[in-house]
Amino acid sequence: MSKSFASRIPLLLLFSSLLALVIYLQWPEQAQVKKNHQRVVTVKTTAVEQAEFKDVIQALGTSRANEQVTITTKNSAIVDVISFNDGQQVKKGDILVQLNAQEATAKVNELQANLAESIAQLHRFEDLLSKKATAKSLVDEQEAKTKAIAAQLASAQAKLDDLTIKAPFDGVLGFREISTGAFINIGDIITSLDDLSVIKVDFFVPERFLTTIKINQKITASSSAYGQQTFIGKIISVDSRIDPITRTLQVRAEINNKKGQLRPGMLFNIMIERQVDTILQLPESAIIPIEEKHFIFVVETESSDKKIDKSPTTASKKIAKRIEVTIGRRHPGIVEILSGVKEGKEVVVEGALKLRNGSIVRTLGDK
């Protein structure tokens, strides 16, 4: 080894020692800088809260009028007068159609005259019988004749009344199916009449709900015709039998229709409230299923000490921690939480798929 290289060994050792010291002093700062540049995930959160959870049965139902009838005629005749228009609101007893009644009226008048004459003749026989001037058999015969004429008159009067067609109850008329002067036969349809003050809805529920369906139980109905608007009603009757093929139970509810918004034949989505509980719940999007378990990410704030310009200070950061929860009943978009998290905890509902246990997060709204 040359003298020049041997003389440089102390200098090399000194330089190596200084380099190692510099690396040692700089290492914690570099690690802290790396740590400070850890990826931050932006998420949306919500608080775990107690809220009403309605246990409901859902079904599809078809509406019908409270009372509905097709107006027809019992007689064949010519239409003399039509006293209604399409869609008209009528009261019970209002005259709708007058059929030609000349022959029927003449028949009634004839029988009324015959009855009057028969009654007068009966009174004369009774007077004679009281004076023992006639036989009782003649009185009995005249009395029978009088009753027969009275029966004929009642029949003729009923036929005459049938030629005047009236509304059997309050309601709304449908389209007019006849014209003045037309000849109509027995059973021909004249129009329809619906009582729309109350709408009845028939629907079916599975057999397993039999014990939870009660008279006067509240129902909520909605129709595509009215979007998100709902109508409140109540159950008025439950079928006495269960369909042996479908294993369903027919139920009928009624909805007040004073505003006239609803019509027979509409399709309704029915929701029957079985029970209303106050429970701990979360949006369904917060739940992460893994095999048979369920997890959520809870956001917690942690404090850490660091140096800024060689002055100690305390900074806080939000950490996402994954925890297991036990879930219960579900509604569209809502899940019941039975255990695993307490009320008030901040839970991630959007962005959870980008997280790992311990990830640093920034919630929407943070600066």
Protein backbone atom coordinates (compact mmCIF):
# COMPACT_ATOMS: atom_id res chain seq x y z
CA MET A 1 0.00 0.00 0.00
CA SER A 2 1.47 3.38 -0.98
CA LYS A 3 2.06 6.10 1.55
CA SER A 4 -0.33 8.48 -0.33
CA PHE A 5 -3.29 6.06 -0.08
CA ALA A 6 -2.54 5.30 3.57
CA SER A 7 -2.56 8.98 4.36
CA ARG A 8 -6.04 9.32 2.76
CA ILE A 9 -7.69 6.57 4.84
CA PRO A 10 -8.49 8.86 7.83
CA LEU A 11 -10.11 11.37 5.45
CA LEU A 12 -12.26 8.67 3.81
CA LEU A 13 -13.37 7.39 7.20
CA LEU A 14 -14.27 10.92 8.29
CA PHE A 15 -16.25 11.55 5.08
CA SER A 16 -18.14 8.26 5.44
CA SER A 17 -19.02 9.09 9.03
CA LEU A 18 -20.31 12.53 8.07
CA LEU A 19 -22.42 11.07 5.21
CA ALA A 20 -23.97 8.48 7.52
CA LEU A 21 -24.76 11.19 10.06
CA VAL A 22 -26.51 13.35 7.45
CA ILE A 23 -28.60 10.39 6.22
CA TYR A 24 -29.51 9.52 9.78
CA LEU A 25 -30.61 13.07 10.55
CA GLN A 26 -32.63 13.43 7.33
CA TRP A 27 -34.44 10.05 7.40
CA PRO A 28 -37.30 10.89 9.84
CA GLU A 29 -38.14 14.03 7.89
CA GLN A 30 -38.28 12.14 4.61
CA ALA A 31 -40.51 9.46 6.17
CA GLN A 32 -42.80 12.15 7.57
CA VAL A 33 -42.99 13.86 4.17
CA LYS A 34 -43.87 10.53 2.55
CA LYS A 35 -46.48 9.94 5.22
CA ASN A 36 -47.94 13.40 4.71
CA HIS A 37 -48.36 12.67 1.02
CA GLN A 38 -50.45 9.57 1.67
CA ARG A 39 -53.50 9.36 -0.71
CA VAL A 40 -56.67 11.11 0.55
CA VAL A 41 -60.02 9.70 -0.62
CA THR A 42 -63.07 11.95 -0.93
CA VAL A 43 -66.24 10.31 0.39
CA LYS A 44 -69.81 11.17 1.26
CA THR A 45 -71.02 10.35 4.75
CA THR A 46 -74.15 10.30 6.86
CA ALA A 47 -74.86 9.86 10.54
CA VAL A 48 -76.33 6.70 12.00
CA GLU A 49 -79.73 7.70 13.37
CA GLN A 50 -82.92 6.45 14.91
CA ALA A 51 -85.90 6.76 12.55
CA GLU A 52 -89.32 5.26 11.92
CA PHE A 53 -89.27 1.96 10.08
CA LYS A 54 -92.61 0.92 8.63
CA ASP A 55 -93.09 -2.81 8.21
CA VAL A 56 -95.42 -2.96 5.21
CA ILE A 57 -97.00 -5.43 2.84
CA GLN A 58 -96.96 -4.48 -0.84
CA ALA A 59 -99.58 -5.54 -3.36
CA LEU A 60 -101.19 -4.57 -6.65
CA GLY A 61 -104.90 -3.72 -6.69
CA THR A 62 -107.63 -2.74 -9.14
CA SER A 63 -110.15 -0.04 -8.32
CA ARG A 64 -113.92 -0.19 -8.68
CA ALA A 65 -116.74 2.22 -7.94
CA ASN A 66 -118.52 2.17 -4.61
CA GLU A 67 -121.70 1.31 -6.54
CA GLN A 68 -121.84 0.59 -10.26
CA VAL A 69 -124.61 -0.45 -12.61
CA THR A 70 -125.36 -0.70 -16.31
CA ILE A 71 -128.66 1.02 -17.11
CA THR A 72 -130.88 -1.13 -19.34
CA THR A 73 -134.61 -1.46 -20.07
CA LYS A 74 -137.12 -4.13 -19.09
CA ASN A 75 -139.37 -3.38 -22.07
CA SER A 76 -139.12 -3.05 -25.82
CA ALA A 77 -140.23 0.42 -26.86
CA ILE A 78 -139.36 3.59 -28.77
CA VAL A 79 -137.27 6.23 -26.99
CA ASP A 80 -139.33 9.39 -26.58
CA VAL A 81 -137.08 11.57 -24.39
CA ILE A 82 -133.43 11.42 -23.24
CA SER A 83 -132.82 13.61 -20.20
CA PHE A 84 -129.07 13.26 -19.61
CA ASN A 85 -125.70 13.96 -21.18
CA ASP A 86 -122.46 11.99 -21.21
CA GLY A 87 -120.63 12.15 -17.88
CA GLN A 88 -123.44 13.99 -16.10
CA GLN A 89 -123.70 13.95 -12.31
CA VAL A 90 -127.18 12.78 -11.26
CA LYS A 91 -129.13 12.22 -8.05
CA LYS A 92 -131.15 9.18 -7.07
CA GLY A 93 -134.59 9.29 -8.76
CA ASP A 94 -133.58 11.66 -11.59
CA ILE A 95 -135.31 10.71 -14.86
CA LEU A 96 -132.84 9.54 -17.48
CA VAL A 97 -135.00 8.21 -20.33
CA GLN A 98 -138.71 8.26 -21.12
CA LEU A 99 -139.91 5.46 -23.40
CA ASN A 100 -143.10 5.63 -25.39
CA ALA A 101 -145.91 4.93 -22.91
CA GLN A 102 -149.15 5.57 -24.83
CA GLU A 103 -150.31 1.96 -24.86
CA ALA A 104 -149.30 1.34 -21.26
CA THR A 105 -151.01 4.54 -20.11
CA ALA A 106 -154.23 3.58 -21.92
CA LYS A 107 -154.16 0.16 -20.31
CA VAL A 108 -153.77 1.69 -16.85
CA ASN A 109 -156.66 4.09 -17.46
CA GLU A 110 -158.87 1.23 -18.63
CA LEU A 111 -158.13 -0.88 -15.59
CA GLN A 112 -158.64 2.06 -13.24
CA ALA A 113 -162.11 2.55 -14.70
CA ASN A 114 -162.90 -1.16 -14.47
CA LEU A 115 -161.70 -1.23 -10.86
CA ALA A 116 -163.85 1.72 -9.93
CA GLU A 117 -166.93 0.10 -11.48
CA SER A 118 -166.15 -3.21 -9.79
CA ILE A 119 -165.77 -1.57 -6.39
CA ALA A 120 -169.09 0.25 -6.82
CA GLN A 121 -170.80 -3.00 -7.80
CA LEU A 122 -169.27 -4.72 -4.75
CA HIS A 123 -170.66 -2.02 -2.45
CA ARG A 124 -174.18 -2.49 -3.93
CA PHE A 125 -174.05 -6.26 -3.35
CA GLU A 126 -172.87 -5.69 0.22
CA ASP A 127 -175.81 -3.36 0.84
CA LEU A 128 -178.25 -5.91 -0.56
CA LEU A 129 -176.62 -8.64 1.52
CA SER A 130 -177.10 -6.57 4.66
CA LYS A 131 -180.80 -6.39 3.79
CA LYS A 132 -180.84 -10.11 3.01
CA ALA A 133 -181.84 -9.27 -0.55
CA THR A 134 -179.07 -11.22 -2.26
CA ALA A 135 -176.92 -14.30 -1.75
CA LYS A 136 -173.52 -14.10 -0.09
CA SER A 137 -172.03 -16.09 -2.98
CA LEU A 138 -172.67 -13.14 -5.29
CA VAL A 139 -170.84 -10.82 -2.91
CA ASP A 140 -167.89 -13.19 -2.73
CA GLU A 141 -167.79 -13.48 -6.50
CA GLN A 142 -167.77 -9.70 -6.95
CA GLU A 143 -165.09 -9.31 -4.32
CA ALA A 144 -162.86 -11.80 -6.14
CA LYS A 145 -163.45 -9.97 -9.44
CA THR A 146 -162.47 -6.66 -7.81
CA LYS A 147 -159.23 -8.12 -6.46
CA ALA A 148 -158.37 -9.53 -9.86
CA ILE A 149 -158.86 -6.14 -11.54
CA ALA A 150 -156.75 -4.47 -8.82
CA ALA A 151 -153.93 -6.97 -9.47
CA GLN A 152 -154.11 -6.30 -13.21
CA LEU A 153 -153.95 -2.58 -12.53
CA ALA A 154 -150.88 -2.99 -10.32
CA SER A 155 -149.14 -4.97 -13.06
CA ALA A 156 -150.04 -2.41 -15.72
CA GLN A 157 -148.89 0.43 -13.47
CA ALA A 158 -145.54 -1.30 -12.88
CA LYS A 159 -145.08 -1.70 -16.63
CA LEU A 160 -145.90 1.97 -17.12
CA ASP A 161 -143.39 2.96 -14.42
CA ASP A 162 -140.72 0.83 -16.08
CA LEU A 163 -141.04 2.95 -19.19
CA THR A 164 -139.65 5.87 -17.18
CA ILE A 165 -136.02 5.00 -16.45
CA LYS A 166 -134.56 6.70 -13.36
CA ALA A 167 -131.18 6.83 -11.63
CA PRO A 168 -131.08 4.18 -8.86
CA PHE A 169 -128.49 6.13 -6.81
CA ASP A 170 -126.33 9.26 -6.87
CA GLY A 171 -123.44 9.03 -9.28
CA VAL A 172 -121.80 9.89 -12.58
CA LEU A 173 -123.21 8.67 -15.87
CA GLY A 174 -121.12 7.14 -18.63
CA PHE A 175 -121.57 7.52 -22.39
CA ARG A 176 -125.06 7.58 -23.90
CA GLU A 177 -125.61 4.48 -26.06
CA ILE A 178 -129.06 5.33 -27.53
CA SER A 179 -130.75 8.13 -29.46
CA THR A 180 -134.19 9.68 -29.40
CA GLY A 181 -136.61 7.82 -31.67
CA ALA A 182 -134.62 4.58 -31.55
CA PHE A 183 -136.37 1.30 -30.85
CA ILE A 184 -134.66 -0.55 -28.01
CA ASN A 185 -135.17 -4.13 -26.93
CA ILE A 186 -135.21 -5.68 -23.47
CA GLY A 187 -131.66 -5.64 -22.03
CA ASP A 188 -130.22 -3.06 -24.46
CA ILE A 189 -127.60 -0.87 -22.74
CA ILE A 190 -128.60 2.75 -22.29
CA THR A 191 -125.62 4.02 -20.24
CA SER A 192 -123.61 3.24 -17.10
CA LEU A 193 -123.81 4.79 -13.64
CA ASP A 194 -121.00 4.87 -11.06
CA ASP A 195 -120.98 6.16 -7.52
CA LEU A 196 -117.46 7.64 -7.29
CA SER A 197 -117.75 9.23 -3.85
CA VAL A 198 -115.80 6.23 -2.56
CA ILE A 199 -113.41 4.03 -4.54
CA LYS A 200 -112.99 0.40 -3.58
CA VAL A 201 -109.72 -1.40 -4.29
CA ASP A 202 -109.44 -5.20 -4.48
CA PHE A 203 -106.02 -6.80 -4.05
CA PHE A 204 -104.41 -10.07 -2.98
CA VAL A 205 -101.85 -10.76 -0.24
CA PRO A 206 -99.91 -13.99 0.46
CA GLU A 207 -101.44 -16.50 2.85
CA ARG A 208 -98.67 -15.96 5.43
CA PHE A 209 -99.98 -12.45 6.14
CA LEU A 210 -103.45 -13.69 7.11
CA THR A 211 -103.02 -12.98 10.83
CA THR A 212 -101.75 -9.42 10.23
CA ILE A 213 -104.66 -8.21 8.07
CA LYS A 214 -107.38 -6.45 10.08
CA ILE A 215 -110.57 -4.52 9.35
CA ASN A 216 -110.00 -0.72 9.45
CA GLN A 217 -106.26 -1.24 8.95
CA LYS A 218 -104.64 1.70 7.14
CA ILE A 219 -103.49 1.36 3.53
CA THR A 220 -101.60 3.73 1.24
CA ALA A 221 -102.31 3.62 -2.50
CA SER A 222 -100.47 5.20 -5.40
CA SER A 223 -101.09 5.23 -9.15
CA SER A 224 -98.87 6.03 -12.11
CA ALA A 225 -101.48 8.60 -13.14
CA TYR A 226 -100.56 10.77 -10.14
CA GLY A 227 -96.83 10.08 -9.80
CA GLN A 228 -95.65 10.34 -6.19
CA GLN A 229 -99.05 11.41 -4.82
CA THR A 230 -100.56 8.90 -2.41
CA PHE A 231 -104.11 8.20 -1.28
CA ILE A 232 -105.02 6.99 2.19
CA GLY A 233 -107.70 4.36 2.76
CA LYS A 234 -108.68 1.53 5.05
CA ILE A 235 -109.48 -2.17 4.78
CA ILE A 236 -113.24 -2.79 4.87
CA SER A 237 -113.48 -6.53 4.23
CA VAL A 238 -111.39 -9.71 4.00
CA ASP A 239 -112.43 -12.74 1.98
CA SER A 240 -113.55 -15.74 4.00
CA ARG A 241 -111.52 -18.09 1.80
CA ILE A 242 -107.92 -18.44 0.63
CA ASP A 243 -107.40 -19.28 -3.02
CA PRO A 244 -106.16 -22.91 -3.01
CA ILE A 245 -104.23 -22.41 -6.27
CA THR A 246 -102.40 -19.12 -5.64
CA ARG A 247 -102.47 -19.36 -1.81
CA THR A 248 -103.49 -15.72 -1.62
CA LEU A 249 -106.17 -13.88 0.32
CA GLN A 250 -108.43 -11.30 -1.33
CA VAL A 251 -108.75 -8.02 0.54
CA ARG A 252 -110.94 -4.99 -0.19
CA ALA A 253 -110.15 -1.44 0.89
CA GLU A 254 -111.93 1.86 0.34
CA ILE A 255 -110.53 5.31 -0.40
CA ASN A 256 -112.46 8.55 0.01
CA ASN A 257 -112.81 10.17 -3.42
CA LYS A 258 -114.59 13.45 -2.68
CA LYS A 259 -112.28 15.31 -5.07
CA GLY A 260 -113.17 12.88 -7.87
CA GLN A 261 -109.54 12.17 -8.80
CA LEU A 262 -109.88 8.39 -8.99
CA ARG A 263 -111.70 6.21 -11.50
CA PRO A 264 -112.78 2.56 -11.60
CA GLY A 265 -110.33 0.22 -13.31
CA MET A 266 -107.16 2.02 -12.17
CA LEU A 267 -104.11 -0.02 -11.15
CA PHE A 268 -102.84 0.82 -7.66
CA ASN A 269 -99.69 0.01 -5.75
CA ILE A 270 -100.92 -0.85 -2.26
CA MET A 271 -98.88 -0.62 0.93
CA ILE A 272 -100.37 -1.99 4.15
CA GLU A 273 -98.80 -0.86 7.40
CA ARG A 274 -98.32 -3.86 9.68
CA GLN A 275 -96.09 -2.24 12.30
CA VAL A 276 -94.20 1.04 12.82
CA ASP A 277 -90.96 0.84 14.88
CA THR A 278 -88.26 3.34 15.74
CA ILE A 279 -84.97 1.65 14.87
CA LEU A 280 -81.31 2.36 14.08
CA GLN A 281 -80.95 2.51 10.31
CA LEU A 282 -78.55 3.36 7.48
CA PRO A 283 -78.80 3.83 3.73
CA GLU A 284 -78.36 0.57 1.85
CA SER A 285 -75.35 2.01 -0.02
CA ALA A 286 -73.34 2.10 3.23
CA ILE A 287 -73.42 -1.70 3.61
CA ILE A 288 -70.53 -3.73 2.16
CA PRO A 289 -71.39 -7.46 1.97
CA ILE A 290 -68.45 -9.85 2.11
CA GLU A 291 -69.51 -13.48 1.93
CA GLU A 292 -72.08 -13.84 4.74
CA LYS A 293 -70.89 -10.80 6.72
CA HIS A 294 -71.69 -7.11 6.41
CA PHE A 295 -69.31 -4.19 6.97
CA ILE A 296 -69.38 -0.40 7.02
CA PHE A 297 -66.67 2.29 7.07
CA VAL A 298 -66.87 4.62 10.06
CA VAL A 299 -65.05 7.97 9.81
CA GLU A 300 -63.13 8.96 12.93
CA THR A 301 -60.94 11.98 13.58
CA GLU A 302 -57.40 11.41 14.83
CA SER A 303 -54.90 13.99 16.10
CA SER A 304 -51.17 13.88 15.30
CA ASP A 305 -48.17 16.01 16.37
CA LYS A 306 -45.87 17.49 13.71
CA LYS A 307 -43.34 20.27 13.32
CA ILE A 308 -44.01 23.32 11.20
CA ASP A 309 -41.04 25.74 11.00
CA LYS A 310 -39.46 23.82 13.89
CA SER A 311 -42.50 24.64 16.09
CA PRO A 312 -44.60 21.76 17.45
CA THR A 313 -48.31 21.82 16.49
CA THR A 314 -51.29 19.43 16.51
CA ALA A 315 -53.10 18.48 13.25
CA SER A 316 -56.19 16.31 12.79
CA LYS A 317 -57.10 13.91 10.03
CA LYS A 318 -60.06 11.70 9.24
CA ILE A 319 -59.51 7.97 9.14
CA ALA A 320 -61.91 5.37 7.69
CA LYS A 321 -62.19 2.29 9.85
CA ARG A 322 -63.98 -0.83 8.65
CA ILE A 323 -66.25 -2.48 11.21
CA GLU A 324 -68.64 -5.42 11.05
CA VAL A 325 -72.36 -4.83 11.66
CA THR A 326 -75.42 -7.02 12.02
CA ILE A 327 -78.34 -6.02 9.79
CA GLY A 328 -82.05 -6.72 10.13
CA ARG A 329 -85.07 -5.78 8.03
CA ARG A 330 -84.81 -3.94 4.75
CA HIS A 331 -86.79 -1.39 2.80
CA PRO A 332 -85.84 -0.08 -0.64
CA GLY A 333 -82.74 2.00 0.12
CA ILE A 334 -82.87 1.47 3.92
CA VAL A 335 -81.35 -1.19 6.18
CA GLU A 336 -81.99 -1.83 9.87
CA ILE A 337 -78.80 -1.99 12.01
CA LEU A 338 -79.07 -4.43 14.91
CA SER A 339 -75.54 -4.14 16.30
CA GLY A 340 -71.97 -3.05 15.55
CA VAL A 341 -72.33 0.74 15.48
CA LYS A 342 -73.86 3.37 17.74
CA GLU A 343 -76.19 6.25 16.95
CA GLY A 344 -74.45 9.42 15.78
CA LYS A 345 -71.44 7.74 14.19
CA GLU A 346 -70.37 9.13 10.80
CA VAL A 347 -70.59 6.40 8.14
CA VAL A 348 -69.43 6.40 4.50
CA VAL A 349 -72.31 6.06 2.02
CA GLU A 350 -70.47 6.94 -1.22
CA GLY A 351 -66.88 6.07 -2.10
CA ALA A 352 -66.53 3.05 0.19
CA LEU A 353 -65.22 0.82 -2.62
CA LYS A 354 -62.07 2.99 -2.84
CA LEU A 355 -61.27 2.61 0.85
CA ARG A 356 -59.16 0.30 2.93
CA ASN A 357 -59.08 0.03 6.68
CA GLY A 358 -57.15 3.07 7.90
CA SER A 359 -57.47 5.14 4.72
CA ILE A 360 -57.32 8.90 5.12
CA VAL A 361 -60.53 10.51 3.88
CA ARG A 362 -61.98 13.91 3.19
CA THR A 363 -65.75 14.21 3.44
CA LEU A 364 -67.74 16.28 0.99
CA GLY A 365 -68.02 19.79 2.38
CA ASP A 366 -64.59 19.77 4.01
CA LYS A 367 -62.21 22.54 2.96
